[in-house]
Amino acid sequence: MTFKRLWLFGILTAVLLSLTGCTGGSYIRHLASDASLLTPGKTTKKDVLAVLGQPSEKRELNDKEEVWIYYQVNKSTLRKTPYVGDKMGYEEYDVLNIAFSGDLVNHSVYRLLTEGEFDKGVSKE
């Protein structure tokens, strides 16, 4: 009887450990708090890449000025519901625009946009 319990405990432990490996996968950015780590005139492009990774979009304004745009979609639990989620719940967009002068951050702006604001292109100003 002890061997059977030990065997069952081992199987259950293996199943639980294998399931915990399935929960990870994608990196979640925290743009609101990450924006506070940027210091105009001191933070470099290399520093921004280390904290935030590659931007969602890059725009060159001229030879020395560039804007990096980071954004992510935050969906409500109802919006994530399969098949009917598009008609229920809401989506919000975290948007962080970082302007560079040369290699240094000139300024940054964080905004939380509704789906309508994001679709209208407000994030692309």
N, C-alpha and C. Protein backbone atom coordinates (compact mmCIF):
# COMPACT_ATOMS: atom_id res chain seq x y z
N MET A 1 0.81 -1.19 0.00
CA MET A 1 0.00 0.00 0.00
C MET A 1 0.86 1.26 0.00
N THR A 2 1.96 1.30 0.70
CA THR A 2 2.83 2.46 0.77
C THR A 2 3.45 2.75 -0.60
N PHE A 3 3.82 1.70 -1.34
CA PHE A 3 4.40 1.88 -2.66
C PHE A 3 3.40 2.54 -3.61
N LYS A 4 2.13 2.13 -3.55
CA LYS A 4 1.10 2.70 -4.42
C LYS A 4 0.89 4.18 -4.11
N ARG A 5 0.88 4.54 -2.85
CA ARG A 5 0.70 5.95 -2.48
C ARG A 5 1.89 6.78 -2.94
N LEU A 6 3.08 6.25 -2.77
CA LEU A 6 4.28 6.96 -3.20
C LEU A 6 4.27 7.14 -4.71
N TRP A 7 3.87 6.09 -5.44
CA TRP A 7 3.81 6.15 -6.89
C TRP A 7 2.77 7.19 -7.33
N LEU A 8 1.59 7.21 -6.72
CA LEU A 8 0.54 8.16 -7.03
C LEU A 8 0.99 9.59 -6.72
N PHE A 9 1.65 9.78 -5.59
CA PHE A 9 2.18 11.09 -5.23
C PHE A 9 3.20 11.57 -6.27
N GLY A 10 4.06 10.68 -6.73
CA GLY A 10 5.06 11.02 -7.75
C GLY A 10 4.41 11.43 -9.06
N ILE A 11 3.38 10.70 -9.47
CA ILE A 11 2.67 11.03 -10.71
C ILE A 11 1.98 12.39 -10.59
N LEU A 12 1.29 12.62 -9.49
CA LEU A 12 0.61 13.90 -9.29
C LEU A 12 1.59 15.07 -9.26
N THR A 13 2.72 14.87 -8.62
CA THR A 13 3.75 15.92 -8.58
C THR A 13 4.27 16.22 -9.98
N ALA A 14 4.52 15.19 -10.76
CA ALA A 14 5.01 15.37 -12.13
C ALA A 14 4.00 16.12 -12.98
N VAL A 15 2.73 15.79 -12.85
CA VAL A 15 1.68 16.47 -13.61
C VAL A 15 1.59 17.94 -13.22
N LEU A 16 1.61 18.21 -11.93
CA LEU A 16 1.53 19.60 -11.47
C LEU A 16 2.74 20.42 -11.92
N LEU A 17 3.92 19.84 -11.87
CA LEU A 17 5.12 20.56 -12.32
C LEU A 17 5.08 20.81 -13.82
N SER A 18 4.57 19.88 -14.58
CA SER A 18 4.50 20.09 -16.03
C SER A 18 3.47 21.16 -16.39
N LEU A 19 2.40 21.25 -15.62
CA LEU A 19 1.40 22.28 -15.88
C LEU A 19 1.90 23.67 -15.55
N THR A 20 2.74 23.82 -14.56
CA THR A 20 3.26 25.15 -14.23
C THR A 20 4.15 25.69 -15.33
N GLY A 21 4.76 24.84 -16.11
CA GLY A 21 5.57 25.29 -17.23
C GLY A 21 4.75 25.88 -18.35
N CYS A 22 3.46 25.61 -18.39
CA CYS A 22 2.59 26.10 -19.46
C CYS A 22 2.06 27.50 -19.20
N THR A 23 2.24 28.03 -18.02
CA THR A 23 1.64 29.32 -17.71
C THR A 23 2.43 30.50 -18.25
N GLY A 24 3.72 30.35 -18.45
CA GLY A 24 4.54 31.46 -18.92
C GLY A 24 4.36 31.67 -20.40
N GLY A 25 5.27 32.40 -20.99
CA GLY A 25 5.21 32.52 -22.44
C GLY A 25 5.53 33.90 -22.93
N SER A 26 4.73 34.88 -22.62
CA SER A 26 4.96 36.20 -23.17
C SER A 26 5.34 37.19 -22.07
N TYR A 27 6.24 38.09 -22.45
CA TYR A 27 6.70 39.12 -21.53
C TYR A 27 5.64 40.22 -21.48
N ILE A 28 5.29 40.65 -20.30
CA ILE A 28 4.31 41.72 -20.14
C ILE A 28 5.04 42.99 -19.77
N ARG A 29 4.85 44.01 -20.58
CA ARG A 29 5.46 45.30 -20.29
C ARG A 29 4.61 46.04 -19.26
N HIS A 30 5.26 46.84 -18.46
CA HIS A 30 4.59 47.72 -17.51
C HIS A 30 4.98 49.14 -17.89
N LEU A 31 4.38 49.64 -18.95
CA LEU A 31 4.81 50.90 -19.55
C LEU A 31 4.67 52.09 -18.62
N ALA A 32 3.64 52.12 -17.79
CA ALA A 32 3.45 53.26 -16.89
C ALA A 32 4.61 53.37 -15.91
N SER A 33 5.01 52.28 -15.32
CA SER A 33 6.12 52.34 -14.36
C SER A 33 7.46 52.42 -15.07
N ASP A 34 7.59 51.78 -16.23
CA ASP A 34 8.86 51.86 -16.97
C ASP A 34 9.14 53.27 -17.46
N ALA A 35 8.09 54.04 -17.73
CA ALA A 35 8.28 55.42 -18.17
C ALA A 35 8.97 56.27 -17.10
N SER A 36 8.74 55.92 -15.85
CA SER A 36 9.37 56.69 -14.76
C SER A 36 10.86 56.43 -14.65
N LEU A 37 11.36 55.40 -15.32
CA LEU A 37 12.79 55.10 -15.29
C LEU A 37 13.59 55.93 -16.29
N LEU A 38 12.90 56.65 -17.16
CA LEU A 38 13.56 57.44 -18.20
C LEU A 38 13.85 58.85 -17.69
N THR A 39 15.11 59.26 -17.81
CA THR A 39 15.54 60.59 -17.39
C THR A 39 15.99 61.37 -18.62
N PRO A 40 15.24 62.41 -19.00
CA PRO A 40 15.64 63.19 -20.17
C PRO A 40 17.06 63.74 -20.02
N GLY A 41 17.82 63.62 -21.10
CA GLY A 41 19.19 64.10 -21.12
C GLY A 41 20.20 63.13 -20.53
N LYS A 42 19.76 62.04 -19.92
CA LYS A 42 20.68 61.07 -19.33
C LYS A 42 20.48 59.65 -19.86
N THR A 43 19.22 59.26 -20.08
CA THR A 43 18.93 57.90 -20.54
C THR A 43 19.24 57.78 -22.02
N THR A 44 19.98 56.73 -22.39
CA THR A 44 20.38 56.52 -23.78
C THR A 44 19.44 55.51 -24.46
N LYS A 45 19.57 55.40 -25.77
CA LYS A 45 18.80 54.40 -26.52
C LYS A 45 19.12 52.99 -26.02
N LYS A 46 20.37 52.76 -25.72
CA LYS A 46 20.78 51.43 -25.21
C LYS A 46 20.09 51.13 -23.89
N ASP A 47 19.98 52.13 -23.02
CA ASP A 47 19.28 51.95 -21.74
C ASP A 47 17.80 51.62 -21.96
N VAL A 48 17.17 52.33 -22.90
CA VAL A 48 15.75 52.10 -23.19
C VAL A 48 15.55 50.68 -23.72
N LEU A 49 16.43 50.24 -24.62
CA LEU A 49 16.33 48.88 -25.15
C LEU A 49 16.49 47.84 -24.05
N ALA A 50 17.36 48.12 -23.09
CA ALA A 50 17.57 47.17 -21.99
C ALA A 50 16.34 47.06 -21.10
N VAL A 51 15.62 48.17 -20.89
CA VAL A 51 14.45 48.17 -20.01
C VAL A 51 13.19 47.72 -20.75
N LEU A 52 12.97 48.25 -21.95
CA LEU A 52 11.70 48.02 -22.65
C LEU A 52 11.78 47.07 -23.83
N GLY A 53 12.97 46.77 -24.31
CA GLY A 53 13.08 45.92 -25.49
C GLY A 53 12.84 46.74 -26.75
N GLN A 54 12.62 46.04 -27.85
CA GLN A 54 12.40 46.70 -29.13
C GLN A 54 11.05 47.42 -29.13
N PRO A 55 11.00 48.62 -29.71
CA PRO A 55 9.73 49.36 -29.75
C PRO A 55 8.75 48.74 -30.74
N SER A 56 7.49 49.04 -30.54
CA SER A 56 6.45 48.58 -31.47
C SER A 56 6.57 49.30 -32.81
N GLU A 57 6.96 50.58 -32.77
CA GLU A 57 7.16 51.39 -33.97
C GLU A 57 8.32 52.36 -33.75
N LYS A 58 8.98 52.71 -34.85
CA LYS A 58 10.03 53.75 -34.82
C LYS A 58 9.70 54.77 -35.91
N ARG A 59 9.91 56.05 -35.58
CA ARG A 59 9.70 57.12 -36.56
C ARG A 59 10.87 58.08 -36.51
N GLU A 60 11.47 58.33 -37.65
CA GLU A 60 12.56 59.30 -37.73
C GLU A 60 11.99 60.64 -38.16
N LEU A 61 12.23 61.67 -37.35
CA LEU A 61 11.74 63.00 -37.66
C LEU A 61 12.72 63.75 -38.55
N ASN A 62 14.00 63.63 -38.25
CA ASN A 62 15.08 64.18 -39.08
C ASN A 62 16.36 63.41 -38.74
N ASP A 63 17.52 63.95 -39.13
CA ASP A 63 18.77 63.22 -38.92
C ASP A 63 19.09 62.95 -37.45
N LYS A 64 18.68 63.85 -36.57
CA LYS A 64 19.06 63.72 -35.16
C LYS A 64 17.89 63.41 -34.23
N GLU A 65 16.66 63.48 -34.72
CA GLU A 65 15.51 63.26 -33.85
C GLU A 65 14.72 62.03 -34.30
N GLU A 66 14.32 61.26 -33.31
CA GLU A 66 13.62 60.01 -33.58
C GLU A 66 12.60 59.77 -32.46
N VAL A 67 11.51 59.09 -32.77
CA VAL A 67 10.48 58.74 -31.78
C VAL A 67 10.29 57.24 -31.80
N TRP A 68 10.35 56.65 -30.61
CA TRP A 68 10.04 55.22 -30.45
C TRP A 68 8.70 55.13 -29.76
N ILE A 69 7.83 54.26 -30.27
CA ILE A 69 6.49 54.10 -29.72
C ILE A 69 6.34 52.66 -29.22
N TYR A 70 5.97 52.56 -27.96
CA TYR A 70 5.68 51.27 -27.34
C TYR A 70 4.20 51.24 -27.01
N TYR A 71 3.52 50.14 -27.34
CA TYR A 71 2.13 50.01 -26.92
C TYR A 71 1.78 48.55 -26.67
N GLN A 72 0.77 48.39 -25.84
CA GLN A 72 0.25 47.05 -25.56
C GLN A 72 -1.24 47.15 -25.31
N VAL A 73 -1.94 46.06 -25.59
CA VAL A 73 -3.39 45.98 -25.43
C VAL A 73 -3.71 45.34 -24.10
N ASN A 74 -4.60 45.95 -23.35
CA ASN A 74 -5.10 45.38 -22.10
C ASN A 74 -6.58 45.05 -22.32
N LYS A 75 -6.90 43.75 -22.28
CA LYS A 75 -8.28 43.31 -22.50
C LYS A 75 -8.92 42.92 -21.17
N SER A 76 -10.19 43.27 -21.03
CA SER A 76 -10.94 42.84 -19.85
C SER A 76 -11.18 41.33 -19.95
N THR A 77 -11.55 40.73 -18.84
CA THR A 77 -11.81 39.29 -18.82
C THR A 77 -12.93 38.92 -19.79
N LEU A 78 -13.98 39.74 -19.86
CA LEU A 78 -15.07 39.46 -20.80
C LEU A 78 -14.59 39.52 -22.24
N ARG A 79 -13.69 40.45 -22.55
CA ARG A 79 -13.18 40.59 -23.92
C ARG A 79 -12.37 39.37 -24.34
N LYS A 80 -11.77 38.68 -23.38
CA LYS A 80 -10.97 37.49 -23.67
C LYS A 80 -11.81 36.24 -23.88
N THR A 81 -13.13 36.32 -23.66
CA THR A 81 -14.01 35.17 -23.80
C THR A 81 -14.05 34.71 -25.25
N PRO A 82 -13.80 33.42 -25.50
CA PRO A 82 -13.82 32.93 -26.88
C PRO A 82 -15.18 33.12 -27.55
N TYR A 83 -15.17 33.39 -28.84
CA TYR A 83 -16.33 33.51 -29.72
C TYR A 83 -17.16 34.78 -29.49
N VAL A 84 -17.45 35.17 -28.26
CA VAL A 84 -18.32 36.33 -28.02
C VAL A 84 -17.57 37.51 -27.43
N GLY A 85 -16.29 37.36 -27.19
CA GLY A 85 -15.52 38.41 -26.52
C GLY A 85 -15.44 39.72 -27.28
N ASP A 86 -15.51 39.67 -28.62
CA ASP A 86 -15.43 40.90 -29.40
C ASP A 86 -16.62 41.82 -29.17
N LYS A 87 -17.72 41.28 -28.69
CA LYS A 87 -18.93 42.06 -28.46
C LYS A 87 -19.11 42.44 -26.99
N MET A 88 -18.22 41.96 -26.14
CA MET A 88 -18.36 42.20 -24.70
C MET A 88 -17.06 42.80 -24.14
N GLY A 89 -17.13 43.40 -22.98
CA GLY A 89 -15.95 43.89 -22.31
C GLY A 89 -15.35 45.11 -22.99
N TYR A 90 -14.10 45.36 -22.72
CA TYR A 90 -13.44 46.55 -23.26
C TYR A 90 -11.96 46.25 -23.49
N GLU A 91 -11.34 47.13 -24.28
CA GLU A 91 -9.90 47.11 -24.49
C GLU A 91 -9.35 48.50 -24.17
N GLU A 92 -8.20 48.52 -23.55
CA GLU A 92 -7.48 49.77 -23.33
C GLU A 92 -6.07 49.58 -23.88
N TYR A 93 -5.43 50.68 -24.23
CA TYR A 93 -4.10 50.63 -24.81
C TYR A 93 -3.15 51.48 -23.98
N ASP A 94 -2.07 50.86 -23.51
CA ASP A 94 -0.97 51.60 -22.89
C ASP A 94 -0.07 52.05 -24.03
N VAL A 95 0.23 53.34 -24.09
CA VAL A 95 1.08 53.88 -25.15
C VAL A 95 2.16 54.73 -24.51
N LEU A 96 3.41 54.46 -24.88
CA LEU A 96 4.55 55.25 -24.41
C LEU A 96 5.32 55.74 -25.61
N ASN A 97 5.36 57.07 -25.79
CA ASN A 97 6.13 57.70 -26.85
C ASN A 97 7.41 58.25 -26.25
N ILE A 98 8.55 57.88 -26.82
CA ILE A 98 9.84 58.36 -26.34
C ILE A 98 10.53 59.09 -27.48
N ALA A 99 10.82 60.37 -27.27
CA ALA A 99 11.50 61.19 -28.27
C ALA A 99 12.98 61.27 -27.92
N PHE A 100 13.81 61.05 -28.94
CA PHE A 100 15.27 61.10 -28.76
C PHE A 100 15.84 62.27 -29.54
N SER A 101 16.84 62.91 -28.94
CA SER A 101 17.70 63.88 -29.64
C SER A 101 19.07 63.24 -29.67
N GLY A 102 19.47 62.79 -30.84
CA GLY A 102 20.71 62.02 -30.92
C GLY A 102 20.52 60.68 -30.26
N ASP A 103 21.38 60.38 -29.27
CA ASP A 103 21.31 59.10 -28.57
C ASP A 103 20.59 59.20 -27.22
N LEU A 104 20.23 60.42 -26.81
CA LEU A 104 19.64 60.63 -25.48
C LEU A 104 18.14 60.89 -25.56
N VAL A 105 17.43 60.48 -24.51
CA VAL A 105 16.00 60.74 -24.41
C VAL A 105 15.79 62.24 -24.24
N ASN A 106 14.93 62.81 -25.08
CA ASN A 106 14.58 64.21 -24.97
C ASN A 106 13.38 64.37 -24.04
N HIS A 107 12.32 63.60 -24.29
CA HIS A 107 11.15 63.55 -23.41
C HIS A 107 10.35 62.28 -23.71
N SER A 108 9.46 61.95 -22.79
CA SER A 108 8.60 60.78 -22.99
C SER A 108 7.20 61.11 -22.49
N VAL A 109 6.21 60.47 -23.12
CA VAL A 109 4.81 60.70 -22.76
C VAL A 109 4.12 59.34 -22.68
N TYR A 110 3.49 59.06 -21.53
CA TYR A 110 2.71 57.85 -21.35
C TYR A 110 1.23 58.22 -21.38
N ARG A 111 0.42 57.42 -22.09
CA ARG A 111 -1.03 57.65 -22.12
C ARG A 111 -1.76 56.31 -22.10
N LEU A 112 -2.92 56.31 -21.47
CA LEU A 112 -3.82 55.16 -21.49
C LEU A 112 -5.00 55.55 -22.37
N LEU A 113 -5.16 54.84 -23.49
CA LEU A 113 -6.17 55.20 -24.47
C LEU A 113 -7.28 54.16 -24.52
N THR A 114 -8.49 54.63 -24.84
CA THR A 114 -9.58 53.71 -25.09
C THR A 114 -9.41 53.15 -26.51
N GLU A 115 -10.21 52.15 -26.81
CA GLU A 115 -10.14 51.53 -28.14
C GLU A 115 -10.44 52.54 -29.24
N GLY A 116 -11.43 53.39 -29.02
CA GLY A 116 -11.78 54.41 -30.01
C GLY A 116 -10.67 55.42 -30.23
N GLU A 117 -10.04 55.88 -29.16
CA GLU A 117 -8.94 56.83 -29.27
C GLU A 117 -7.76 56.22 -30.01
N PHE A 118 -7.46 54.98 -29.71
CA PHE A 118 -6.34 54.31 -30.35
C PHE A 118 -6.62 54.10 -31.84
N ASP A 119 -7.85 53.70 -32.17
CA ASP A 119 -8.23 53.47 -33.57
C ASP A 119 -8.21 54.75 -34.40
N LYS A 120 -8.48 55.89 -33.76
CA LYS A 120 -8.47 57.16 -34.48
C LYS A 120 -7.07 57.65 -34.78
N GLY A 121 -6.07 56.96 -34.24
CA GLY A 121 -4.71 57.36 -34.52
C GLY A 121 -4.14 58.36 -33.55
N VAL A 122 -4.78 58.53 -32.40
CA VAL A 122 -4.27 59.48 -31.39
C VAL A 122 -2.88 59.07 -30.96
N SER A 123 -2.61 57.77 -30.94
CA SER A 123 -1.30 57.30 -30.48
C SER A 123 -0.20 57.62 -31.48
N LYS A 124 -0.56 58.01 -32.68
CA LYS A 124 0.44 58.20 -33.72
C LYS A 124 0.78 59.67 -33.93
N GLU A 125 0.38 60.51 -33.00
CA GLU A 125 0.69 61.93 -33.11
C GLU A 125 2.16 62.17 -32.91
